[in-house]
Amino acid sequence: MGTKYGKSVAQVIILWLVERDIIVLAKSTKPERMAENLNVFDFALSDEEKAEIAKLDGTFAAIVNHDTVDNLKRVSVWKMGVQV
């Protein structure tokens, strides 16, 4: 998908997350990468492309909903290397 739009994989995923109202914390110390991470609003993913991304391997979620105590407890347990 990135090639189709002239974007990196990271840019495609950042846009997909932003469109889902998920806060993205992209870490970089390189100014060019920081600029790239912000340059995601000049293309649009089709509904089919969004569905394809959503079907990617979901066995490990790097996205965590922090709005409940139970979810926060799960996150703290993951950080200790034990899954609940």
PDB file of N, CA and C in Angstrom:
ATOM      1  N   MET A   1       0.823  -1.203   0.000  1.00  0.00           N
ATOM      2  CA  MET A   1       0.000   0.000   0.000  1.00  0.00           C
ATOM      3  C   MET A   1       0.858   1.254   0.000  1.00  0.00           C
ATOM      4  N   GLY A   2       1.933   1.199   0.754  1.00  0.00           N
ATOM      5  CA  GLY A   2       2.807   2.361   0.816  1.00  0.00           C
ATOM      6  C   GLY A   2       3.331   2.747  -0.549  1.00  0.00           C
ATOM      7  N   THR A   3       3.736   1.749  -1.329  1.00  0.00           N
ATOM      8  CA  THR A   3       4.262   2.015  -2.672  1.00  0.00           C
ATOM      9  C   THR A   3       3.209   2.701  -3.529  1.00  0.00           C
ATOM     10  N   LYS A   4       1.982   2.246  -3.427  1.00  0.00           N
ATOM     11  CA  LYS A   4       0.884   2.827  -4.213  1.00  0.00           C
ATOM     12  C   LYS A   4       0.749   4.325  -3.962  1.00  0.00           C
ATOM     13  N   TYR A   5       0.949   4.742  -2.714  1.00  0.00           N
ATOM     14  CA  TYR A   5       0.780   6.145  -2.345  1.00  0.00           C
ATOM     15  C   TYR A   5       2.093   6.913  -2.223  1.00  0.00           C
ATOM     16  N   GLY A   6       3.219   6.216  -2.434  1.00  0.00           N
ATOM     17  CA  GLY A   6       4.514   6.853  -2.253  1.00  0.00           C
ATOM     18  C   GLY A   6       4.805   7.158  -0.791  1.00  0.00           C
ATOM     19  N   LYS A   7       4.347   6.265   0.079  1.00  0.00           N
ATOM     20  CA  LYS A   7       4.489   6.442   1.530  1.00  0.00           C
ATOM     21  C   LYS A   7       5.187   5.232   2.128  1.00  0.00           C
ATOM     22  N   SER A   8       5.733   5.403   3.319  1.00  0.00           N
ATOM     23  CA  SER A   8       6.359   4.281   4.025  1.00  0.00           C
ATOM     24  C   SER A   8       5.282   3.445   4.713  1.00  0.00           C
ATOM     25  N   VAL A   9       5.680   2.263   5.139  1.00  0.00           N
ATOM     26  CA  VAL A   9       4.767   1.409   5.906  1.00  0.00           C
ATOM     27  C   VAL A   9       4.314   2.158   7.155  1.00  0.00           C
ATOM     28  N   ALA A  10       5.261   2.818   7.810  1.00  0.00           N
ATOM     29  CA  ALA A  10       4.929   3.560   9.030  1.00  0.00           C
ATOM     30  C   ALA A  10       3.872   4.627   8.750  1.00  0.00           C
ATOM     31  N   GLN A  11       4.004   5.336   7.643  1.00  0.00           N
ATOM     32  CA  GLN A  11       3.028   6.377   7.327  1.00  0.00           C
ATOM     33  C   GLN A  11       1.639   5.788   7.089  1.00  0.00           C
ATOM     34  N   VAL A  12       1.574   4.663   6.418  1.00  0.00           N
ATOM     35  CA  VAL A  12       0.272   4.015   6.173  1.00  0.00           C
ATOM     36  C   VAL A  12      -0.362   3.628   7.504  1.00  0.00           C
ATOM     37  N   ILE A  13       0.413   3.028   8.384  1.00  0.00           N
ATOM     38  CA  ILE A  13      -0.127   2.588   9.671  1.00  0.00           C
ATOM     39  C   ILE A  13      -0.500   3.780  10.551  1.00  0.00           C
ATOM     40  N   ILE A  14       0.316   4.825  10.531  1.00  0.00           N
ATOM     41  CA  ILE A  14      -0.012   6.023  11.315  1.00  0.00           C
ATOM     42  C   ILE A  14      -1.346   6.593  10.861  1.00  0.00           C
ATOM     43  N   LEU A  15      -1.534   6.717   9.550  1.00  0.00           N
ATOM     44  CA  LEU A  15      -2.810   7.237   9.046  1.00  0.00           C
ATOM     45  C   LEU A  15      -3.964   6.331   9.457  1.00  0.00           C
ATOM     46  N   TRP A  16      -3.786   5.024   9.310  1.00  0.00           N
ATOM     47  CA  TRP A  16      -4.840   4.065   9.672  1.00  0.00           C
ATOM     48  C   TRP A  16      -5.225   4.209  11.139  1.00  0.00           C
ATOM     49  N   LEU A  17      -4.233   4.361  12.005  1.00  0.00           N
ATOM     50  CA  LEU A  17      -4.511   4.522  13.433  1.00  0.00           C
ATOM     51  C   LEU A  17      -5.204   5.849  13.726  1.00  0.00           C
ATOM     52  N   VAL A  18      -4.714   6.931  13.130  1.00  0.00           N
ATOM     53  CA  VAL A  18      -5.313   8.253  13.349  1.00  0.00           C
ATOM     54  C   VAL A  18      -6.775   8.253  12.903  1.00  0.00           C
ATOM     55  N   GLU A  19      -7.053   7.634  11.771  1.00  0.00           N
ATOM     56  CA  GLU A  19      -8.431   7.573  11.280  1.00  0.00           C
ATOM     57  C   GLU A  19      -9.337   6.759  12.198  1.00  0.00           C
ATOM     58  N   ARG A  20      -8.751   5.915  13.033  1.00  0.00           N
ATOM     59  CA  ARG A  20      -9.522   5.123  14.002  1.00  0.00           C
ATOM     60  C   ARG A  20      -9.571   5.810  15.363  1.00  0.00           C
ATOM     61  N   ASP A  21      -9.127   7.079  15.418  1.00  0.00           N
ATOM     62  CA  ASP A  21      -9.098   7.870  16.655  1.00  0.00           C
ATOM     63  C   ASP A  21      -8.198   7.264  17.720  1.00  0.00           C
ATOM     64  N   ILE A  22      -7.104   6.653  17.277  1.00  0.00           N
ATOM     65  CA  ILE A  22      -6.117   6.089  18.185  1.00  0.00           C
ATOM     66  C   ILE A  22      -4.924   7.044  18.224  1.00  0.00           C
ATOM     67  N   ILE A  23      -4.517   7.408  19.412  1.00  0.00           N
ATOM     68  CA  ILE A  23      -3.379   8.307  19.571  1.00  0.00           C
ATOM     69  C   ILE A  23      -2.103   7.563  19.206  1.00  0.00           C
ATOM     70  N   VAL A  24      -1.312   8.179  18.348  1.00  0.00           N
ATOM     71  CA  VAL A  24      -0.070   7.567  17.878  1.00  0.00           C
ATOM     72  C   VAL A  24       1.115   8.266  18.524  1.00  0.00           C
ATOM     73  N   LEU A  25       1.963   7.492  19.156  1.00  0.00           N
ATOM     74  CA  LEU A  25       3.195   8.018  19.743  1.00  0.00           C
ATOM     75  C   LEU A  25       4.362   7.428  18.956  1.00  0.00           C
ATOM     76  N   ALA A  26       4.716   8.085  17.875  1.00  0.00           N
ATOM     77  CA  ALA A  26       5.811   7.611  17.026  1.00  0.00           C
ATOM     78  C   ALA A  26       7.118   8.182  17.554  1.00  0.00           C
ATOM     79  N   LYS A  27       8.054   7.302  17.870  1.00  0.00           N
ATOM     80  CA  LYS A  27       9.322   7.728  18.462  1.00  0.00           C
ATOM     81  C   LYS A  27      10.409   7.794  17.399  1.00  0.00           C
ATOM     82  N   SER A  28      11.095   8.916  17.369  1.00  0.00           N
ATOM     83  CA  SER A  28      12.259   9.054  16.510  1.00  0.00           C
ATOM     84  C   SER A  28      13.112  10.214  17.003  1.00  0.00           C
ATOM     85  N   THR A  29      14.400  10.095  16.798  1.00  0.00           N
ATOM     86  CA  THR A  29      15.303  11.194  17.119  1.00  0.00           C
ATOM     87  C   THR A  29      15.794  11.891  15.856  1.00  0.00           C
ATOM     88  N   LYS A  30      15.404  11.356  14.702  1.00  0.00           N
ATOM     89  CA  LYS A  30      15.845  11.910  13.417  1.00  0.00           C
ATOM     90  C   LYS A  30      14.806  12.901  12.891  1.00  0.00           C
ATOM     91  N   PRO A  31      15.220  14.145  12.651  1.00  0.00           N
ATOM     92  CA  PRO A  31      14.274  15.160  12.164  1.00  0.00           C
ATOM     93  C   PRO A  31      13.542  14.752  10.887  1.00  0.00           C
ATOM     94  N   GLU A  32      14.237  14.069   9.966  1.00  0.00           N
ATOM     95  CA  GLU A  32      13.577  13.661   8.716  1.00  0.00           C
ATOM     96  C   GLU A  32      12.498  12.614   8.975  1.00  0.00           C
ATOM     97  N   ARG A  33      12.711  11.734   9.930  1.00  0.00           N
ATOM     98  CA  ARG A  33      11.711  10.723  10.274  1.00  0.00           C
ATOM     99  C   ARG A  33      10.528  11.364  10.992  1.00  0.00           C
ATOM    100  N   MET A  34      10.803  12.343  11.854  1.00  0.00           N
ATOM    101  CA  MET A  34       9.723  13.068  12.532  1.00  0.00           C
ATOM    102  C   MET A  34       8.823  13.751  11.514  1.00  0.00           C
ATOM    103  N   ALA A  35       9.448  14.387  10.531  1.00  0.00           N
ATOM    104  CA  ALA A  35       8.674  15.059   9.481  1.00  0.00           C
ATOM    105  C   ALA A  35       7.863  14.044   8.684  1.00  0.00           C
ATOM    106  N   GLU A  36       8.465  12.906   8.375  1.00  0.00           N
ATOM    107  CA  GLU A  36       7.766  11.850   7.638  1.00  0.00           C
ATOM    108  C   GLU A  36       6.547  11.356   8.419  1.00  0.00           C
ATOM    109  N   ASN A  37       6.716  11.176   9.725  1.00  0.00           N
ATOM    110  CA  ASN A  37       5.609  10.692  10.559  1.00  0.00           C
ATOM    111  C   ASN A  37       4.434  11.662  10.575  1.00  0.00           C
ATOM    112  N   LEU A  38       4.696  12.941  10.387  1.00  0.00           N
ATOM    113  CA  LEU A  38       3.618  13.934  10.355  1.00  0.00           C
ATOM    114  C   LEU A  38       3.007  14.090   8.973  1.00  0.00           C
ATOM    115  N   ASN A  39       3.690  13.618   7.951  1.00  0.00           N
ATOM    116  CA  ASN A  39       3.240  13.790   6.572  1.00  0.00           C
ATOM    117  C   ASN A  39       2.341  12.632   6.139  1.00  0.00           C
ATOM    118  N   VAL A  40       1.179  12.542   6.760  1.00  0.00           N
ATOM    119  CA  VAL A  40       0.272  11.422   6.469  1.00  0.00           C
ATOM    120  C   VAL A  40      -1.133  11.869   6.065  1.00  0.00           C
ATOM    121  N   PHE A  41      -1.324  13.140   5.861  1.00  0.00           N
ATOM    122  CA  PHE A  41      -2.679  13.620   5.599  1.00  0.00           C
ATOM    123  C   PHE A  41      -2.905  14.014   4.142  1.00  0.00           C
ATOM    124  N   ASP A  42      -2.015  13.579   3.242  1.00  0.00           N
ATOM    125  CA  ASP A  42      -2.168  13.914   1.837  1.00  0.00           C
ATOM    126  C   ASP A  42      -2.543  12.703   0.987  1.00  0.00           C
ATOM    127  N   PHE A  43      -3.018  11.641   1.644  1.00  0.00           N
ATOM    128  CA  PHE A  43      -3.521  10.479   0.929  1.00  0.00           C
ATOM    129  C   PHE A  43      -4.621   9.849   1.775  1.00  0.00           C
ATOM    130  N   ALA A  44      -5.398   8.980   1.171  1.00  0.00           N
ATOM    131  CA  ALA A  44      -6.493   8.331   1.896  1.00  0.00           C
ATOM    132  C   ALA A  44      -6.503   6.846   1.558  1.00  0.00           C
ATOM    133  N   LEU A  45      -6.709   6.047   2.568  1.00  0.00           N
ATOM    134  CA  LEU A  45      -6.837   4.607   2.370  1.00  0.00           C
ATOM    135  C   LEU A  45      -8.270   4.274   2.006  1.00  0.00           C
ATOM    136  N   SER A  46      -8.426   3.341   1.085  1.00  0.00           N
ATOM    137  CA  SER A  46      -9.774   2.894   0.722  1.00  0.00           C
ATOM    138  C   SER A  46     -10.329   2.018   1.844  1.00  0.00           C
ATOM    139  N   ASP A  47     -11.621   1.815   1.832  1.00  0.00           N
ATOM    140  CA  ASP A  47     -12.244   0.930   2.827  1.00  0.00           C
ATOM    141  C   ASP A  47     -11.662  -0.480   2.729  1.00  0.00           C
ATOM    142  N   GLU A  48     -11.370  -0.931   1.503  1.00  0.00           N
ATOM    143  CA  GLU A  48     -10.796  -2.259   1.303  1.00  0.00           C
ATOM    144  C   GLU A  48      -9.392  -2.341   1.910  1.00  0.00           C
ATOM    145  N   GLU A  49      -8.601  -1.286   1.731  1.00  0.00           N
ATOM    146  CA  GLU A  49      -7.256  -1.277   2.304  1.00  0.00           C
ATOM    147  C   GLU A  49      -7.304  -1.253   3.826  1.00  0.00           C
ATOM    148  N   LYS A  50      -8.210  -0.491   4.376  1.00  0.00           N
ATOM    149  CA  LYS A  50      -8.364  -0.453   5.830  1.00  0.00           C
ATOM    150  C   LYS A  50      -8.740  -1.829   6.367  1.00  0.00           C
ATOM    151  N   ALA A  51      -9.616  -2.517   5.646  1.00  0.00           N
ATOM    152  CA  ALA A  51     -10.035  -3.866   6.053  1.00  0.00           C
ATOM    153  C   ALA A  51      -8.863  -4.836   5.981  1.00  0.00           C
ATOM    154  N   GLU A  52      -8.011  -4.698   4.963  1.00  0.00           N
ATOM    155  CA  GLU A  52      -6.826  -5.553   4.828  1.00  0.00           C
ATOM    156  C   GLU A  52      -5.879  -5.350   6.006  1.00  0.00           C
ATOM    157  N   ILE A  53      -5.655  -4.109   6.389  1.00  0.00           N
ATOM    158  CA  ILE A  53      -4.783  -3.823   7.534  1.00  0.00           C
ATOM    159  C   ILE A  53      -5.375  -4.431   8.798  1.00  0.00           C
ATOM    160  N   ALA A  54      -6.674  -4.290   8.964  1.00  0.00           N
ATOM    161  CA  ALA A  54      -7.343  -4.809  10.162  1.00  0.00           C
ATOM    162  C   ALA A  54      -7.228  -6.325  10.269  1.00  0.00           C
ATOM    163  N   LYS A  55      -7.044  -7.015   9.142  1.00  0.00           N
ATOM    164  CA  LYS A  55      -6.940  -8.475   9.148  1.00  0.00           C
ATOM    165  C   LYS A  55      -5.534  -8.978   9.450  1.00  0.00           C
ATOM    166  N   LEU A  56      -4.555  -8.081   9.543  1.00  0.00           N
ATOM    167  CA  LEU A  56      -3.186  -8.511   9.814  1.00  0.00           C
ATOM    168  C   LEU A  56      -3.106  -9.215  11.158  1.00  0.00           C
ATOM    169  N   ASP A  57      -2.066  -9.975  11.350  1.00  0.00           N
ATOM    170  CA  ASP A  57      -1.875 -10.788  12.548  1.00  0.00           C
ATOM    171  C   ASP A  57      -2.227 -10.011  13.808  1.00  0.00           C
ATOM    172  N   GLY A  58      -3.205 -10.484  14.519  1.00  0.00           N
ATOM    173  CA  GLY A  58      -3.658  -9.813  15.730  1.00  0.00           C
ATOM    174  C   GLY A  58      -3.397 -10.622  16.981  1.00  0.00           C
ATOM    175  N   THR A  59      -2.406 -11.502  16.940  1.00  0.00           N
ATOM    176  CA  THR A  59      -2.143 -12.335  18.110  1.00  0.00           C
ATOM    177  C   THR A  59      -1.494 -11.559  19.244  1.00  0.00           C
ATOM    178  N   PHE A  60      -0.873 -10.440  18.926  1.00  0.00           N
ATOM    179  CA  PHE A  60      -0.296  -9.587  19.966  1.00  0.00           C
ATOM    180  C   PHE A  60      -0.749  -8.164  19.710  1.00  0.00           C
ATOM    181  N   ALA A  61      -1.393  -7.573  20.666  1.00  0.00           N
ATOM    182  CA  ALA A  61      -1.873  -6.208  20.516  1.00  0.00           C
ATOM    183  C   ALA A  61      -0.884  -5.235  21.129  1.00  0.00           C
ATOM    184  N   ALA A  62      -0.346  -4.349  20.302  1.00  0.00           N
ATOM    185  CA  ALA A  62       0.520  -3.293  20.814  1.00  0.00           C
ATOM    186  C   ALA A  62      -0.327  -2.077  21.172  1.00  0.00           C
ATOM    187  N   ILE A  63      -1.605  -2.166  20.830  1.00  0.00           N
ATOM    188  CA  ILE A  63      -2.546  -1.093  21.131  1.00  0.00           C
ATOM    189  C   ILE A  63      -3.360  -1.549  22.330  1.00  0.00           C
ATOM    190  N   VAL A  64      -3.353  -0.774  23.371  1.00  0.00           N
ATOM    191  CA  VAL A  64      -4.036  -1.168  24.595  1.00  0.00           C
ATOM    192  C   VAL A  64      -5.027  -0.085  24.988  1.00  0.00           C
ATOM    193  N   ASN A  65      -6.231  -0.502  25.281  1.00  0.00           N
ATOM    194  CA  ASN A  65      -7.250   0.413  25.767  1.00  0.00           C
ATOM    195  C   ASN A  65      -7.029   0.580  27.267  1.00  0.00           C
ATOM    196  N   HIS A  66      -6.682   1.779  27.686  1.00  0.00           N
ATOM    197  CA  HIS A  66      -6.340   2.035  29.086  1.00  0.00           C
ATOM    198  C   HIS A  66      -7.513   2.557  29.922  1.00  0.00           C
ATOM    199  N   ASP A  67      -8.721   2.454  29.411  1.00  0.00           N
ATOM    200  CA  ASP A  67      -9.823   3.115  30.103  1.00  0.00           C
ATOM    201  C   ASP A  67     -10.506   2.281  31.178  1.00  0.00           C
ATOM    202  N   THR A  68     -10.005   1.088  31.463  1.00  0.00           N
ATOM    203  CA  THR A  68     -10.579   0.315  32.569  1.00  0.00           C
ATOM    204  C   THR A  68      -9.463  -0.178  33.487  1.00  0.00           C
ATOM    205  N   VAL A  69      -9.787  -0.397  34.717  1.00  0.00           N
ATOM    206  CA  VAL A  69      -8.813  -0.882  35.693  1.00  0.00           C
ATOM    207  C   VAL A  69      -8.306  -2.255  35.282  1.00  0.00           C
ATOM    208  N   ASP A  70      -9.184  -3.124  34.793  1.00  0.00           N
ATOM    209  CA  ASP A  70      -8.760  -4.461  34.384  1.00  0.00           C
ATOM    210  C   ASP A  70      -7.721  -4.399  33.272  1.00  0.00           C
ATOM    211  N   ASN A  71      -7.918  -3.508  32.319  1.00  0.00           N
ATOM    212  CA  ASN A  71      -6.941  -3.379  31.232  1.00  0.00           C
ATOM    213  C   ASN A  71      -5.616  -2.853  31.747  1.00  0.00           C
ATOM    214  N   LEU A  72      -5.648  -1.920  32.667  1.00  0.00           N
ATOM    215  CA  LEU A  72      -4.403  -1.407  33.249  1.00  0.00           C
ATOM    216  C   LEU A  72      -3.657  -2.499  34.009  1.00  0.00           C
ATOM    217  N   LYS A  73      -4.399  -3.355  34.710  1.00  0.00           N
ATOM    218  CA  LYS A  73      -3.766  -4.470  35.423  1.00  0.00           C
ATOM    219  C   LYS A  73      -3.093  -5.415  34.435  1.00  0.00           C
ATOM    220  N   ARG A  74      -3.762  -5.691  33.308  1.00  0.00           N
ATOM    221  CA  ARG A  74      -3.180  -6.560  32.289  1.00  0.00           C
ATOM    222  C   ARG A  74      -1.879  -5.982  31.749  1.00  0.00           C
ATOM    223  N   VAL A  75      -1.872  -4.684  31.492  1.00  0.00           N
ATOM    224  CA  VAL A  75      -0.667  -4.026  30.969  1.00  0.00           C
ATOM    225  C   VAL A  75       0.471  -4.148  31.966  1.00  0.00           C
ATOM    226  N   SER A  76       0.208  -3.914  33.228  1.00  0.00           N
ATOM    227  CA  SER A  76       1.280  -3.993  34.225  1.00  0.00           C
ATOM    228  C   SER A  76       1.804  -5.420  34.340  1.00  0.00           C
ATOM    229  N   VAL A  77       0.954  -6.404  34.172  1.00  0.00           N
ATOM    230  CA  VAL A  77       1.396  -7.805  34.208  1.00  0.00           C
ATOM    231  C   VAL A  77       2.248  -8.110  32.982  1.00  0.00           C
ATOM    232  N   TRP A  78       1.843  -7.600  31.781  1.00  0.00           N
ATOM    233  CA  TRP A  78       2.635  -7.821  30.569  1.00  0.00           C
ATOM    234  C   TRP A  78       4.039  -7.262  30.749  1.00  0.00           C
ATOM    235  N   LYS A  79       4.135  -6.097  31.374  1.00  0.00           N
ATOM    236  CA  LYS A  79       5.446  -5.478  31.549  1.00  0.00           C
ATOM    237  C   LYS A  79       6.359  -6.337  32.408  1.00  0.00           C
ATOM    238  N   MET A  80       5.772  -7.176  33.248  1.00  0.00           N
ATOM    239  CA  MET A  80       6.577  -8.052  34.103  1.00  0.00           C
ATOM    240  C   MET A  80       6.877  -9.373  33.395  1.00  0.00           C
ATOM    241  N   GLY A  81       6.388  -9.538  32.172  1.00  0.00           N
ATOM    242  CA  GLY A  81       6.687 -10.728  31.391  1.00  0.00           C
ATOM    243  C   GLY A  81       5.740 -11.887  31.606  1.00  0.00           C
ATOM    244  N   VAL A  82       4.624 -11.642  32.247  1.00  0.00           N
ATOM    245  CA  VAL A  82       3.633 -12.691  32.493  1.00  0.00           C
ATOM    246  C   VAL A  82       2.327 -12.258  31.841  1.00  0.00           C
ATOM    247  N   GLN A  83       1.718 -13.157  31.070  1.00  0.00           N
ATOM    248  CA  GLN A  83       0.438 -12.815  30.475  1.00  0.00           C
ATOM    249  C   GLN A  83      -0.704 -13.441  31.251  1.00  0.00           C
ATOM    250  N   VAL A  84      -1.805 -12.703  31.334  1.00  0.00           N
ATOM    251  CA  VAL A  84      -2.977 -13.179  32.058  1.00  0.00           C
ATOM    252  C   VAL A  84      -3.948 -13.776  31.068  1.00  0.00           C
TER     253      VAL A  84
END
